[in-house]
Amino acid sequence: MGTKTVRLDDDVYERIKSKKRADETFSDAIDRLTSEWTLLDFADGDSPADPARHRELIERSEQAGTEDSENRLERLGIDTDSDG
C-alpha cells in the first residue's frame, strides 16, 4: 500500500490531532473518523415503511452510540459501571 501527502489547513490539522488516539497514526485516525457509519448505511436497500426493521436499526444505532460513549469515558478514566 502506498502513501500520499495531503495538505491540511492548520485548523483542520488541529481538529484531527485532538481526536487522534495515542496509539494511532494520523492515517489511522482519519480512517476511523471518516469511516463511521450512519443509520442510512444500515437502511440501504431496506424499505423505510418496515417498522420492525426501522426499530432494529434504531436499536443498533443506540447500542453503538452507548458503546462508543462508554469507551470514551473509560479512556478518560471515568467509571461506567452502572452498579454504583
Protein backbone atom coordinates (compact mmCIF):
# COMPACT_ATOMS: atom_id res chain seq x y z
CA MET A 1 0.00 0.00 0.00
CA GLY A 2 1.38 3.41 -0.95
CA THR A 3 1.19 6.74 0.78
CA LYS A 4 0.05 10.22 -0.23
CA THR A 5 0.95 13.66 1.03
CA VAL A 6 -2.08 15.77 1.87
CA ARG A 7 -2.15 19.48 2.66
CA LEU A 8 -4.39 20.46 5.54
CA ASP A 9 -5.31 23.86 6.88
CA ASP A 10 -3.93 24.40 10.39
CA ASP A 11 -7.38 24.29 11.98
CA VAL A 12 -8.23 21.00 10.24
CA TYR A 13 -4.91 19.51 11.33
CA GLU A 14 -5.55 20.55 14.94
CA ARG A 15 -9.07 19.05 14.91
CA ILE A 16 -7.72 15.72 13.67
CA LYS A 17 -4.84 15.87 16.15
CA SER A 18 -7.28 16.47 19.03
CA LYS A 19 -9.29 13.39 18.06
CA LYS A 20 -6.26 11.18 17.35
CA ARG A 21 -5.70 8.45 19.92
CA ALA A 22 -2.25 7.89 21.42
CA ASP A 23 -1.86 4.53 19.68
CA GLU A 24 -2.96 5.81 16.26
CA THR A 25 -1.13 7.27 13.32
CA PHE A 26 -2.75 10.23 11.58
CA SER A 27 -3.78 7.83 8.83
CA ASP A 28 -5.45 5.54 11.40
CA ALA A 29 -7.26 8.49 12.97
CA ILE A 30 -8.51 9.84 9.65
CA ASP A 31 -9.66 6.37 8.63
CA ARG A 32 -11.56 5.93 11.91
CA LEU A 33 -13.07 9.42 11.79
CA THR A 34 -14.21 9.19 8.18
CA SER A 35 -15.46 5.61 8.09
CA GLU A 36 -18.08 5.77 10.79
CA TRP A 37 -21.49 4.58 9.64
CA THR A 38 -24.80 6.29 9.88
CA LEU A 39 -28.28 4.85 10.19
CA LEU A 40 -28.65 5.38 6.44
CA ASP A 41 -25.84 2.87 5.87
CA PHE A 42 -27.94 0.19 7.53
CA ALA A 43 -31.12 1.23 5.74
CA ASP A 44 -29.61 0.97 2.25
CA GLY A 45 -31.99 -1.12 0.18
CA ASP A 46 -34.49 -1.56 3.01
CA SER A 47 -37.98 -0.18 2.83
CA PRO A 48 -38.43 2.71 5.28
CA ALA A 49 -42.04 1.55 5.69
CA ASP A 50 -40.98 -1.61 7.56
CA PRO A 51 -41.47 -0.65 11.25
CA ALA A 52 -39.77 -3.77 12.63
CA ARG A 53 -36.67 -3.17 10.52
CA HIS A 54 -36.72 0.52 11.44
CA ARG A 55 -36.86 -0.37 15.14
CA GLU A 56 -33.97 -2.82 14.71
CA LEU A 57 -31.85 -0.17 13.01
CA ILE A 58 -32.57 2.37 15.73
CA GLU A 59 -31.66 -0.15 18.44
CA ARG A 60 -28.40 -0.98 16.68
CA SER A 61 -27.59 2.69 16.35
CA GLU A 62 -28.37 3.37 20.02
CA GLN A 63 -26.28 0.37 21.14
CA ALA A 64 -23.32 1.53 19.05
CA GLY A 65 -23.67 5.04 20.49
CA THR A 66 -23.79 3.69 24.04
CA GLU A 67 -20.70 1.54 23.46
CA ASP A 68 -18.85 4.48 21.90
CA SER A 69 -19.75 6.73 24.85
CA GLU A 70 -18.64 4.10 27.36
CA ASN A 71 -15.35 3.60 25.52
CA ARG A 72 -14.69 7.34 25.51
CA LEU A 73 -15.47 7.64 29.22
CA GLU A 74 -13.25 4.68 30.05
CA ARG A 75 -10.37 6.26 28.10
CA LEU A 76 -10.86 9.36 30.27
CA GLY A 77 -10.69 7.18 33.40
CA ILE A 78 -14.37 7.60 34.27
CA ASP A 79 -16.09 4.53 35.71
CA THR A 80 -19.04 3.50 33.54
CA ASP A 81 -20.20 0.71 35.83
CA SER A 82 -23.92 1.33 36.42
CA ASP A 83 -23.90 -0.61 39.72
CA GLY A 84 -22.71 2.30 41.78
